[in-house]
Full PDB file with SEQRES, HELIX, SHEET, SSBOND, CRYST1, ORIGX, SCALE, CONECT and MASTER records, all heavy atoms in Angstrom:
SEQRES   1 A   42  PHE PRO PRO LEU TYR ARG ALA MET ILE ALA ALA GLY GLU          
SEQRES   2 A   42  SER SER GLY THR LEU PRO ASP ILE THR GLU ARG LEU ALA          
SEQRES   3 A   42  ASP LEU LEU GLU ARG GLN ALA GLU LEU ARG GLY LYS LEU          
SEQRES   4 A   42  ILE GLY THR                                                  
HELIX    1 AA1 PRO A    3  SER A   15  1                                  13    
HELIX    2 AA2 LEU A   18  GLY A   41  1                                  24    
CRYST1    1.000    1.000    1.000  90.00  90.00  90.00 P 1           1          
ORIGX1      1.000000  0.000000  0.000000        0.00000                         
ORIGX2      0.000000  1.000000  0.000000        0.00000                         
ORIGX3      0.000000  0.000000  1.000000        0.00000                         
SCALE1      1.000000  0.000000  0.000000        0.00000                         
SCALE2      0.000000  1.000000  0.000000        0.00000                         
SCALE3      0.000000  0.000000  1.000000        0.00000                         
ATOM      1  N   PHE A   1     262.301 -77.784-174.821  1.00  0.00           N  
ATOM      2  CA  PHE A   1     263.643 -78.243-174.591  1.00  0.00           C  
ATOM      3  C   PHE A   1     263.991 -78.241-173.025  1.00  0.00           C  
ATOM      4  O   PHE A   1     264.200 -77.281-172.465  1.00  0.00           O  
ATOM      5  CB  PHE A   1     264.585 -77.304-175.205  1.00  0.00           C  
ATOM      6  CG  PHE A   1     264.318 -77.337-176.824  1.00  0.00           C  
ATOM      7  CD1 PHE A   1     263.630 -76.234-177.364  1.00  0.00           C  
ATOM      8  CD2 PHE A   1     264.566 -78.292-177.695  1.00  0.00           C  
ATOM      9  CE1 PHE A   1     263.357 -75.950-178.604  1.00  0.00           C  
ATOM     10  CE2 PHE A   1     264.382 -78.183-179.027  1.00  0.00           C  
ATOM     11  CZ  PHE A   1     263.809 -77.045-179.560  1.00  0.00           C  
ATOM     12  N   PRO A   2     263.802 -79.466-172.366  1.00  0.00           N  
ATOM     13  CA  PRO A   2     264.100 -79.533-170.903  1.00  0.00           C  
ATOM     14  C   PRO A   2     265.460 -79.147-170.522  1.00  0.00           C  
ATOM     15  O   PRO A   2     266.349 -79.099-171.413  1.00  0.00           O  
ATOM     16  CB  PRO A   2     263.847 -81.126-170.704  1.00  0.00           C  
ATOM     17  CG  PRO A   2     262.980 -81.546-171.922  1.00  0.00           C  
ATOM     18  CD  PRO A   2     263.486 -80.766-173.066  1.00  0.00           C  
ATOM     19  N   PRO A   3     265.640 -78.876-169.306  1.00  0.00           N  
ATOM     20  CA  PRO A   3     266.956 -78.352-168.780  1.00  0.00           C  
ATOM     21  C   PRO A   3     268.063 -79.322-169.018  1.00  0.00           C  
ATOM     22  O   PRO A   3     269.225 -78.977-169.429  1.00  0.00           O  
ATOM     23  CB  PRO A   3     266.679 -78.203-167.346  1.00  0.00           C  
ATOM     24  CG  PRO A   3     265.252 -77.787-167.172  1.00  0.00           C  
ATOM     25  CD  PRO A   3     264.558 -78.736-168.157  1.00  0.00           C  
ATOM     26  N   LEU A   4     267.880 -80.611-168.906  1.00  0.00           N  
ATOM     27  CA  LEU A   4     268.846 -81.596-169.077  1.00  0.00           C  
ATOM     28  C   LEU A   4     269.324 -81.606-170.537  1.00  0.00           C  
ATOM     29  O   LEU A   4     270.489 -81.714-170.934  1.00  0.00           O  
ATOM     30  CB  LEU A   4     268.375 -82.998-168.693  1.00  0.00           C  
ATOM     31  CG  LEU A   4     269.370 -84.078-168.859  1.00  0.00           C  
ATOM     32  CD1 LEU A   4     270.631 -83.889-168.061  1.00  0.00           C  
ATOM     33  CD2 LEU A   4     268.804 -85.499-168.427  1.00  0.00           C  
ATOM     34  N   TYR A   5     268.276 -81.450-171.419  1.00  0.00           N  
ATOM     35  CA  TYR A   5     268.503 -81.524-172.958  1.00  0.00           C  
ATOM     36  C   TYR A   5     269.455 -80.206-173.221  1.00  0.00           C  
ATOM     37  O   TYR A   5     270.381 -80.317-173.922  1.00  0.00           O  
ATOM     38  CB  TYR A   5     267.277 -81.289-173.667  1.00  0.00           C  
ATOM     39  CG  TYR A   5     267.302 -81.433-175.093  1.00  0.00           C  
ATOM     40  CD1 TYR A   5     267.020 -82.630-175.788  1.00  0.00           C  
ATOM     41  CD2 TYR A   5     267.490 -80.311-175.868  1.00  0.00           C  
ATOM     42  CE1 TYR A   5     267.169 -82.768-177.202  1.00  0.00           C  
ATOM     43  CE2 TYR A   5     267.629 -80.410-177.267  1.00  0.00           C  
ATOM     44  CZ  TYR A   5     267.466 -81.617-177.947  1.00  0.00           C  
ATOM     45  OH  TYR A   5     267.497 -81.646-179.286  1.00  0.00           O  
ATOM     46  N   ARG A   6     269.078 -79.084-172.684  1.00  0.00           N  
ATOM     47  CA  ARG A   6     269.850 -77.929-172.982  1.00  0.00           C  
ATOM     48  C   ARG A   6     271.260 -78.015-172.360  1.00  0.00           C  
ATOM     49  O   ARG A   6     272.233 -77.394-172.922  1.00  0.00           O  
ATOM     50  CB  ARG A   6     269.130 -76.681-172.475  1.00  0.00           C  
ATOM     51  CG  ARG A   6     267.658 -76.375-173.000  1.00  0.00           C  
ATOM     52  CD  ARG A   6     267.164 -74.997-172.822  1.00  0.00           C  
ATOM     53  NE  ARG A   6     267.238 -74.625-171.296  1.00  0.00           N  
ATOM     54  CZ  ARG A   6     266.149 -74.793-170.598  1.00  0.00           C  
ATOM     55  NH1 ARG A   6     265.078 -75.392-170.947  1.00  0.00           N  
ATOM     56  NH2 ARG A   6     266.235 -74.432-169.238  1.00  0.00           N  
ATOM     57  N   ALA A   7     271.475 -78.593-171.105  1.00  0.00           N  
ATOM     58  CA  ALA A   7     272.779 -78.853-170.585  1.00  0.00           C  
ATOM     59  C   ALA A   7     273.600 -79.588-171.381  1.00  0.00           C  
ATOM     60  O   ALA A   7     274.882 -79.365-171.499  1.00  0.00           O  
ATOM     61  CB  ALA A   7     272.508 -79.398-169.144  1.00  0.00           C  
ATOM     62  N   MET A   8     273.072 -80.676-172.017  1.00  0.00           N  
ATOM     63  CA  MET A   8     273.882 -81.621-172.881  1.00  0.00           C  
ATOM     64  C   MET A   8     274.306 -80.715-174.226  1.00  0.00           C  
ATOM     65  O   MET A   8     275.390 -80.910-174.730  1.00  0.00           O  
ATOM     66  CB  MET A   8     273.204 -82.828-173.308  1.00  0.00           C  
ATOM     67  CG  MET A   8     272.984 -83.845-172.065  1.00  0.00           C  
ATOM     68  SD  MET A   8     272.294 -85.402-172.578  1.00  0.00           S  
ATOM     69  CE  MET A   8     272.109 -86.239-170.980  1.00  0.00           C  
ATOM     70  N   ILE A   9     273.423 -80.036-174.689  1.00  0.00           N  
ATOM     71  CA  ILE A   9     273.739 -79.200-175.909  1.00  0.00           C  
ATOM     72  C   ILE A   9     274.862 -78.214-175.600  1.00  0.00           C  
ATOM     73  O   ILE A   9     275.766 -78.015-176.359  1.00  0.00           O  
ATOM     74  CB  ILE A   9     272.427 -78.500-176.342  1.00  0.00           C  
ATOM     75  CG1 ILE A   9     271.356 -79.550-176.996  1.00  0.00           C  
ATOM     76  CG2 ILE A   9     272.825 -77.367-177.419  1.00  0.00           C  
ATOM     77  CD1 ILE A   9     271.768 -80.246-178.220  1.00  0.00           C  
ATOM     78  N   ALA A  10     274.658 -77.675-174.405  1.00  0.00           N  
ATOM     79  CA  ALA A  10     275.618 -76.604-173.870  1.00  0.00           C  
ATOM     80  C   ALA A  10     276.995 -77.321-173.801  1.00  0.00           C  
ATOM     81  O   ALA A  10     278.122 -76.831-174.281  1.00  0.00           O  
ATOM     82  CB  ALA A  10     275.265 -75.917-172.738  1.00  0.00           C  
ATOM     83  N   ALA A  11     277.063 -78.571-173.188  1.00  0.00           N  
ATOM     84  CA  ALA A  11     278.343 -79.324-173.068  1.00  0.00           C  
ATOM     85  C   ALA A  11     278.949 -79.611-174.472  1.00  0.00           C  
ATOM     86  O   ALA A  11     280.151 -79.598-174.559  1.00  0.00           O  
ATOM     87  CB  ALA A  11     278.073 -80.599-172.295  1.00  0.00           C  
ATOM     88  N   GLY A  12     278.086 -79.951-175.454  1.00  0.00           N  
ATOM     89  CA  GLY A  12     278.578 -80.190-176.885  1.00  0.00           C  
ATOM     90  C   GLY A  12     279.251 -79.045-177.525  1.00  0.00           C  
ATOM     91  O   GLY A  12     280.093 -79.074-178.145  1.00  0.00           O  
ATOM     92  N   GLU A  13     278.553 -77.829-177.194  1.00  0.00           N  
ATOM     93  CA  GLU A  13     279.080 -76.573-177.825  1.00  0.00           C  
ATOM     94  C   GLU A  13     280.401 -76.184-177.215  1.00  0.00           C  
ATOM     95  O   GLU A  13     281.317 -75.725-177.949  1.00  0.00           O  
ATOM     96  CB  GLU A  13     278.069 -75.491-177.616  1.00  0.00           C  
ATOM     97  CG  GLU A  13     276.709 -75.605-178.393  1.00  0.00           C  
ATOM     98  CD  GLU A  13     275.634 -74.539-178.010  1.00  0.00           C  
ATOM     99  OE1 GLU A  13     275.386 -74.281-176.931  1.00  0.00           O  
ATOM    100  OE2 GLU A  13     275.222 -73.996-179.025  1.00  0.00           O  
ATOM    101  N   SER A  14     280.483 -76.431-175.881  1.00  0.00           N  
ATOM    102  CA  SER A  14     281.758 -76.097-175.222  1.00  0.00           C  
ATOM    103  C   SER A  14     282.847 -76.863-175.711  1.00  0.00           C  
ATOM    104  O   SER A  14     284.042 -76.467-175.739  1.00  0.00           O  
ATOM    105  CB  SER A  14     281.508 -76.068-173.633  1.00  0.00           C  
ATOM    106  OG  SER A  14     280.559 -75.317-173.133  1.00  0.00           O  
ATOM    107  N   SER A  15     282.623 -78.165-175.793  1.00  0.00           N  
ATOM    108  CA  SER A  15     283.722 -79.140-176.255  1.00  0.00           C  
ATOM    109  C   SER A  15     283.936 -79.179-177.742  1.00  0.00           C  
ATOM    110  O   SER A  15     284.679 -79.959-178.234  1.00  0.00           O  
ATOM    111  CB  SER A  15     283.388 -80.530-175.691  1.00  0.00           C  
ATOM    112  OG  SER A  15     282.082 -81.006-176.270  1.00  0.00           O  
ATOM    113  N   GLY A  16     283.134 -78.591-178.554  1.00  0.00           N  
ATOM    114  CA  GLY A  16     283.072 -78.619-179.969  1.00  0.00           C  
ATOM    115  C   GLY A  16     282.722 -79.877-180.693  1.00  0.00           C  
ATOM    116  O   GLY A  16     282.995 -80.247-181.709  1.00  0.00           O  
ATOM    117  N   THR A  17     281.814 -80.643-179.858  1.00  0.00           N  
ATOM    118  CA  THR A  17     281.422 -81.960-180.353  1.00  0.00           C  
ATOM    119  C   THR A  17     279.939 -81.928-180.479  1.00  0.00           C  
ATOM    120  O   THR A  17     279.180 -82.990-180.311  1.00  0.00           O  
ATOM    121  CB  THR A  17     281.868 -83.020-179.397  1.00  0.00           C  
ATOM    122  OG1 THR A  17     281.352 -82.808-178.141  1.00  0.00           O  
ATOM    123  CG2 THR A  17     283.440 -83.215-179.463  1.00  0.00           C  
ATOM    124  N   LEU A  18     279.236 -80.942-180.933  1.00  0.00           N  
ATOM    125  CA  LEU A  18     277.831 -80.690-181.047  1.00  0.00           C  
ATOM    126  C   LEU A  18     277.172 -81.865-181.923  1.00  0.00           C  
ATOM    127  O   LEU A  18     276.136 -82.504-181.397  1.00  0.00           O  
ATOM    128  CB  LEU A  18     277.404 -79.350-181.434  1.00  0.00           C  
ATOM    129  CG  LEU A  18     275.829 -79.073-181.542  1.00  0.00           C  
ATOM    130  CD1 LEU A  18     275.184 -79.257-180.073  1.00  0.00           C  
ATOM    131  CD2 LEU A  18     275.543 -77.650-182.000  1.00  0.00           C  
ATOM    132  N   PRO A  19     277.758 -82.023-183.124  1.00  0.00           N  
ATOM    133  CA  PRO A  19     277.044 -83.226-183.930  1.00  0.00           C  
ATOM    134  C   PRO A  19     277.117 -84.548-183.065  1.00  0.00           C  
ATOM    135  O   PRO A  19     276.117 -85.237-183.124  1.00  0.00           O  
ATOM    136  CB  PRO A  19     277.964 -83.220-185.126  1.00  0.00           C  
ATOM    137  CG  PRO A  19     278.586 -81.964-185.235  1.00  0.00           C  
ATOM    138  CD  PRO A  19     278.720 -81.479-183.771  1.00  0.00           C  
ATOM    139  N   ASP A  20     278.231 -84.852-182.535  1.00  0.00           N  
ATOM    140  CA  ASP A  20     278.201 -86.239-181.745  1.00  0.00           C  
ATOM    141  C   ASP A  20     277.252 -86.233-180.514  1.00  0.00           C  
ATOM    142  O   ASP A  20     276.631 -87.193-180.273  1.00  0.00           O  
ATOM    143  CB  ASP A  20     279.716 -86.471-181.130  1.00  0.00           C  
ATOM    144  CG  ASP A  20     280.732 -86.646-182.180  1.00  0.00           C  
ATOM    145  OD1 ASP A  20     280.182 -87.042-183.336  1.00  0.00           O  
ATOM    146  OD2 ASP A  20     281.876 -86.397-182.194  1.00  0.00           O  
ATOM    147  N   ILE A  21     277.225 -84.988-179.881  1.00  0.00           N  
ATOM    148  CA  ILE A  21     276.245 -84.968-178.667  1.00  0.00           C  
ATOM    149  C   ILE A  21     274.743 -85.011-179.068  1.00  0.00           C  
ATOM    150  O   ILE A  21     274.007 -85.788-178.425  1.00  0.00           O  
ATOM    151  CB  ILE A  21     276.482 -83.664-177.929  1.00  0.00           C  
ATOM    152  CG1 ILE A  21     277.837 -83.628-177.382  1.00  0.00           C  
ATOM    153  CG2 ILE A  21     275.342 -83.388-176.851  1.00  0.00           C  
ATOM    154  CD1 ILE A  21     278.186 -84.686-176.392  1.00  0.00           C  
ATOM    155  N   THR A  22     274.406 -84.415-180.164  1.00  0.00           N  
ATOM    156  CA  THR A  22     273.134 -84.429-180.649  1.00  0.00           C  
ATOM    157  C   THR A  22     272.792 -85.864-181.168  1.00  0.00           C  
ATOM    158  O   THR A  22     271.678 -86.270-181.006  1.00  0.00           O  
ATOM    159  CB  THR A  22     272.877 -83.411-181.833  1.00  0.00           C  
ATOM    160  OG1 THR A  22     273.859 -83.635-182.842  1.00  0.00           O  
ATOM    161  CG2 THR A  22     272.882 -82.060-181.285  1.00  0.00           C  
ATOM    162  N   GLU A  23     273.784 -86.621-181.721  1.00  0.00           N  
ATOM    163  CA  GLU A  23     273.474 -87.967-182.115  1.00  0.00           C  
ATOM    164  C   GLU A  23     273.261 -88.877-180.880  1.00  0.00           C  
ATOM    165  O   GLU A  23     272.378 -89.754-180.874  1.00  0.00           O  
ATOM    166  CB  GLU A  23     274.669 -88.491-183.012  1.00  0.00           C  
ATOM    167  CG  GLU A  23     274.509 -89.781-183.470  1.00  0.00           C  
ATOM    168  CD  GLU A  23     275.628 -90.276-184.423  1.00  0.00           C  
ATOM    169  OE1 GLU A  23     276.502 -89.539-184.679  1.00  0.00           O  
ATOM    170  OE2 GLU A  23     275.439 -91.497-184.918  1.00  0.00           O  
ATOM    171  N   ARG A  24     274.034 -88.745-179.848  1.00  0.00           N  
ATOM    172  CA  ARG A  24     273.854 -89.400-178.622  1.00  0.00           C  
ATOM    173  C   ARG A  24     272.450 -89.051-177.953  1.00  0.00           C  
ATOM    174  O   ARG A  24     271.844 -90.006-177.487  1.00  0.00           O  
ATOM    175  CB  ARG A  24     274.934 -89.133-177.570  1.00  0.00           C  
ATOM    176  CG  ARG A  24     276.387 -89.671-177.958  1.00  0.00           C  
ATOM    177  CD  ARG A  24     277.228 -89.615-176.887  1.00  0.00           C  
ATOM    178  NE  ARG A  24     278.620 -90.156-177.136  1.00  0.00           N  
ATOM    179  CZ  ARG A  24     279.633 -89.292-177.462  1.00  0.00           C  
ATOM    180  NH1 ARG A  24     279.498 -87.934-177.478  1.00  0.00           N  
ATOM    181  NH2 ARG A  24     280.815 -89.788-177.916  1.00  0.00           N  
ATOM    182  N   LEU A  25     272.186 -87.748-178.043  1.00  0.00           N  
ATOM    183  CA  LEU A  25     270.925 -87.345-177.500  1.00  0.00           C  
ATOM    184  C   LEU A  25     269.589 -88.011-178.401  1.00  0.00           C  
ATOM    185  O   LEU A  25     268.728 -88.461-177.610  1.00  0.00           O  
ATOM    186  CB  LEU A  25     270.778 -85.830-177.643  1.00  0.00           C  
ATOM    187  CG  LEU A  25     271.026 -85.023-176.327  1.00  0.00           C  
ATOM    188  CD1 LEU A  25     270.986 -83.579-176.486  1.00  0.00           C  
ATOM    189  CD2 LEU A  25     270.244 -85.345-175.171  1.00  0.00           C  
ATOM    190  N   ALA A  26     269.821 -88.052-179.644  1.00  0.00           N  
ATOM    191  CA  ALA A  26     268.762 -88.736-180.389  1.00  0.00           C  
ATOM    192  C   ALA A  26     268.637 -90.193-179.942  1.00  0.00           C  
ATOM    193  O   ALA A  26     267.619 -90.713-179.860  1.00  0.00           O  
ATOM    194  CB  ALA A  26     269.120 -88.454-181.887  1.00  0.00           C  
ATOM    195  N   ASP A  27     269.869 -90.922-179.777  1.00  0.00           N  
ATOM    196  CA  ASP A  27     269.853 -92.295-179.361  1.00  0.00           C  
ATOM    197  C   ASP A  27     269.076 -92.349-178.155  1.00  0.00           C  
ATOM    198  O   ASP A  27     268.407 -93.412-177.873  1.00  0.00           O  
ATOM    199  CB  ASP A  27     271.305 -92.798-179.335  1.00  0.00           C  
ATOM    200  CG  ASP A  27     271.893 -92.970-180.717  1.00  0.00           C  
ATOM    201  OD1 ASP A  27     271.158 -92.923-181.757  1.00  0.00           O  
ATOM    202  OD2 ASP A  27     273.170 -93.025-180.868  1.00  0.00           O  
ATOM    203  N   LEU A  28     269.377 -91.579-177.149  1.00  0.00           N  
ATOM    204  CA  LEU A  28     268.891 -91.487-175.836  1.00  0.00           C  
ATOM    205  C   LEU A  28     267.291 -91.422-175.960  1.00  0.00           C  
ATOM    206  O   LEU A  28     266.476 -92.141-175.254  1.00  0.00           O  
ATOM    207  CB  LEU A  28     269.489 -90.444-174.954  1.00  0.00           C  
ATOM    208  CG  LEU A  28     268.871 -90.289-173.567  1.00  0.00           C  
ATOM    209  CD1 LEU A  28     269.082 -91.455-172.615  1.00  0.00           C  
ATOM    210  CD2 LEU A  28     269.520 -89.066-172.865  1.00  0.00           C  
ATOM    211  N   LEU A  29     266.780 -90.389-176.556  1.00  0.00           N  
ATOM    212  CA  LEU A  29     265.427 -90.088-176.713  1.00  0.00           C  
ATOM    213  C   LEU A  29     264.724 -91.243-177.356  1.00  0.00           C  
ATOM    214  O   LEU A  29     263.640 -91.548-176.942  1.00  0.00           O  
ATOM    215  CB  LEU A  29     265.211 -88.758-177.371  1.00  0.00           C  
ATOM    216  CG  LEU A  29     265.699 -87.535-176.749  1.00  0.00           C  
ATOM    217  CD1 LEU A  29     265.492 -86.420-177.733  1.00  0.00           C  
ATOM    218  CD2 LEU A  29     264.899 -87.263-175.515  1.00  0.00           C  
ATOM    219  N   GLU A  30     265.337 -91.822-178.382  1.00  0.00           N  
ATOM    220  CA  GLU A  30     264.719 -92.914-179.121  1.00  0.00           C  
ATOM    221  C   GLU A  30     264.539 -94.260-178.178  1.00  0.00           C  
ATOM    222  O   GLU A  30     263.495 -94.850-178.085  1.00  0.00           O  
ATOM    223  CB  GLU A  30     265.471 -93.290-180.357  1.00  0.00           C  
ATOM    224  CG  GLU A  30     265.312 -92.307-181.476  1.00  0.00           C  
ATOM    225  CD  GLU A  30     266.247 -92.559-182.650  1.00  0.00           C  
ATOM    226  OE1 GLU A  30     267.131 -93.473-182.515  1.00  0.00           O  
ATOM    227  OE2 GLU A  30     266.075 -91.868-183.548  1.00  0.00           O  
ATOM    228  N   ARG A  31     265.546 -94.526-177.437  1.00  0.00           N  
ATOM    229  CA  ARG A  31     265.537 -95.569-176.439  1.00  0.00           C  
ATOM    230  C   ARG A  31     264.503 -95.386-175.335  1.00  0.00           C  
ATOM    231  O   ARG A  31     263.693 -96.263-174.937  1.00  0.00           O  
ATOM    232  CB  ARG A  31     266.913 -95.913-175.844  1.00  0.00           C  
ATOM    233  CG  ARG A  31     267.982 -96.428-176.761  1.00  0.00           C  
ATOM    234  CD  ARG A  31     267.545 -97.626-177.419  1.00  0.00           C  
ATOM    235  NE  ARG A  31     267.272 -98.782-176.243  1.00  0.00           N  
ATOM    236  CZ  ARG A  31     266.568 -99.870-176.456  1.00  0.00           C  
ATOM    237  NH1 ARG A  31     266.045-100.147-177.590  1.00  0.00           N  
ATOM    238  NH2 ARG A  31     266.466-100.629-175.450  1.00  0.00           N  
ATOM    239  N   GLN A  32     264.560 -94.130-174.899  1.00  0.00           N  
ATOM    240  CA  GLN A  32     263.344 -93.710-173.894  1.00  0.00           C  
ATOM    241  C   GLN A  32     261.953 -93.986-174.294  1.00  0.00           C  
ATOM    242  O   GLN A  32     261.039 -94.445-173.597  1.00  0.00           O  
ATOM    243  CB  GLN A  32     263.684 -92.310-173.216  1.00  0.00           C  
ATOM    244  CG  GLN A  32     264.878 -92.184-172.361  1.00  0.00           C  
ATOM    245  CD  GLN A  32     265.072 -90.803-171.983  1.00  0.00           C  
ATOM    246  OE1 GLN A  32     264.427 -89.818-172.428  1.00  0.00           O  
ATOM    247  NE2 GLN A  32     265.973 -90.601-170.965  1.00  0.00           N  
ATOM    248  N   ALA A  33     261.858 -93.412-175.538  1.00  0.00           N  
ATOM    249  CA  ALA A  33     260.483 -93.530-176.318  1.00  0.00           C  
ATOM    250  C   ALA A  33     260.169 -95.088-176.374  1.00  0.00           C  
ATOM    251  O   ALA A  33     258.925 -95.473-176.202  1.00  0.00           O  
ATOM    252  CB  ALA A  33     260.445 -92.825-177.540  1.00  0.00           C  
ATOM    253  N   GLU A  34     261.173 -95.883-176.762  1.00  0.00           N  
ATOM    254  CA  GLU A  34     260.878 -97.334-176.963  1.00  0.00           C  
ATOM    255  C   GLU A  34     260.532 -97.935-175.665  1.00  0.00           C  
ATOM    256  O   GLU A  34     259.620 -98.735-175.666  1.00  0.00           O  
ATOM    257  CB  GLU A  34     262.167 -97.927-177.585  1.00  0.00           C  
ATOM    258  CG  GLU A  34     261.916 -99.488-177.978  1.00  0.00           C  
ATOM    259  CD  GLU A  34     263.220 -99.930-178.631  1.00  0.00           C  
ATOM    260  OE1 GLU A  34     264.126 -99.234-178.869  1.00  0.00           O  
ATOM    261  OE2 GLU A  34     263.275-101.257-178.710  1.00  0.00           O  
ATOM    262  N   LEU A  35     261.264 -97.620-174.691  1.00  0.00           N  
ATOM    263  CA  LEU A  35     260.985 -98.167-173.307  1.00  0.00           C  
ATOM    264  C   LEU A  35     259.599 -97.761-172.729  1.00  0.00           C  
ATOM    265  O   LEU A  35     258.783 -98.661-172.205  1.00  0.00           O  
ATOM    266  CB  LEU A  35     261.949 -97.846-172.299  1.00  0.00           C  
ATOM    267  CG  LEU A  35     263.411 -98.486-172.372  1.00  0.00           C  
ATOM    268  CD1 LEU A  35     264.383 -97.926-171.465  1.00  0.00           C  
ATOM    269  CD2 LEU A  35     263.262 -99.996-172.313  1.00  0.00           C  
ATOM    270  N   ARG A  36     259.329 -96.378-173.069  1.00  0.00           N  
ATOM    271  CA  ARG A  36     257.902 -95.972-172.519  1.00  0.00           C  
ATOM    272  C   ARG A  36     256.811 -96.639-173.357  1.00  0.00           C  
ATOM    273  O   ARG A  36     255.818 -97.079-172.707  1.00  0.00           O  
ATOM    274  CB  ARG A  36     257.919 -94.493-172.728  1.00  0.00           C  
ATOM    275  CG  ARG A  36     256.639 -93.858-172.301  1.00  0.00           C  
ATOM    276  CD  ARG A  36     256.883 -92.400-172.230  1.00  0.00           C  
ATOM    277  NE  ARG A  36     257.253 -91.809-173.474  1.00  0.00           N  
ATOM    278  CZ  ARG A  36     258.525 -91.202-173.689  1.00  0.00           C  
ATOM    279  NH1 ARG A  36     259.414 -91.064-172.773  1.00  0.00           N  
ATOM    280  NH2 ARG A  36     258.873 -90.674-174.743  1.00  0.00           N  
ATOM    281  N   GLY A  37     257.014 -96.923-174.547  1.00  0.00           N  
ATOM    282  CA  GLY A  37     256.059 -97.590-175.442  1.00  0.00           C  
ATOM    283  C   GLY A  37     255.786 -99.034-175.021  1.00  0.00           C  
ATOM    284  O   GLY A  37     254.620 -99.449-174.917  1.00  0.00           O  
ATOM    285  N   LYS A  38     256.848 -99.696-174.568  1.00  0.00           N  
ATOM    286  CA  LYS A  38     256.788-101.089-174.135  1.00  0.00           C  
ATOM    287  C   LYS A  38     256.032-101.170-172.879  1.00  0.00           C  
ATOM    288  O   LYS A  38     255.241-101.977-172.601  1.00  0.00           O  
ATOM    289  CB  LYS A  38     258.176-101.808-174.123  1.00  0.00           C  
ATOM    290  CG  LYS A  38     258.853-101.961-175.420  1.00  0.00           C  
ATOM    291  CD  LYS A  38     260.202-102.600-175.312  1.00  0.00           C  
ATOM    292  CE  LYS A  38     260.806-102.929-176.819  1.00  0.00           C  
ATOM    293  NZ  LYS A  38     262.129-103.537-176.575  1.00  0.00           N  
ATOM    294  N   LEU A  39     256.335-100.130-171.919  1.00  0.00           N  
ATOM    295  CA  LEU A  39     255.683-100.100-170.741  1.00  0.00           C  
ATOM    296  C   LEU A  39     254.068 -99.973-170.897  1.00  0.00           C  
ATOM    297  O   LEU A  39     253.378-100.608-170.253  1.00  0.00           O  
ATOM    298  CB  LEU A  39     256.295 -99.154-169.868  1.00  0.00           C  
ATOM    299  CG  LEU A  39     255.699 -98.816-168.368  1.00  0.00           C  
ATOM    300  CD1 LEU A  39     255.842-100.160-167.461  1.00  0.00           C  
ATOM    301  CD2 LEU A  39     256.244 -97.712-167.713  1.00  0.00           C  
ATOM    302  N   ILE A  40     253.826 -99.019-171.596  1.00  0.00           N  
ATOM    303  CA  ILE A  40     252.341 -98.772-171.915  1.00  0.00           C  
ATOM    304  C   ILE A  40     251.762 -99.963-172.513  1.00  0.00           C  
ATOM    305  O   ILE A  40     250.530-100.333-172.140  1.00  0.00           O  
ATOM    306  CB  ILE A  40     252.306 -97.494-172.772  1.00  0.00           C  
ATOM    307  CG1 ILE A  40     252.771 -96.291-172.094  1.00  0.00           C  
ATOM    308  CG2 ILE A  40     250.791 -97.347-173.190  1.00  0.00           C  
ATOM    309  CD1 ILE A  40     252.824 -95.075-172.934  1.00  0.00           C  
ATOM    310  N   GLY A  41     252.506-100.592-173.497  1.00  0.00           N  
ATOM    311  CA  GLY A  41     251.940-101.742-174.097  1.00  0.00           C  
ATOM    312  C   GLY A  41     251.694-102.936-173.160  1.00  0.00           C  
ATOM    313  O   GLY A  41     250.685-103.673-173.231  1.00  0.00           O  
ATOM    314  N   THR A  42     252.686-103.070-172.179  1.00  0.00           N  
ATOM    315  CA  THR A  42     252.512-104.094-171.212  1.00  0.00           C  
ATOM    316  C   THR A  42     251.457-104.000-170.293  1.00  0.00           C  
ATOM    317  O   THR A  42     250.812-104.959-169.836  1.00  0.00           O  
ATOM    318  CB  THR A  42     253.924-104.200-170.503  1.00  0.00           C  
ATOM    319  OG1 THR A  42     254.970-104.434-171.370  1.00  0.00           O  
ATOM    320  CG2 THR A  42     253.961-105.358-169.379  1.00  0.00           C  
TER     321      THR A  42                                                      
MASTER        0    0    0    2    0    0    0    6  320    1    0    4          
END                                                                             
């Protein structure tokens, strides 16, 4: 769990929006994986 990941989780816990933050994090990680896969494929 990288520092940036943990920092976003901590922000979600502090604001009481952990489910929303984890959903945004999941979207972010999926998009990053998709871009990384396209770069490797290219």
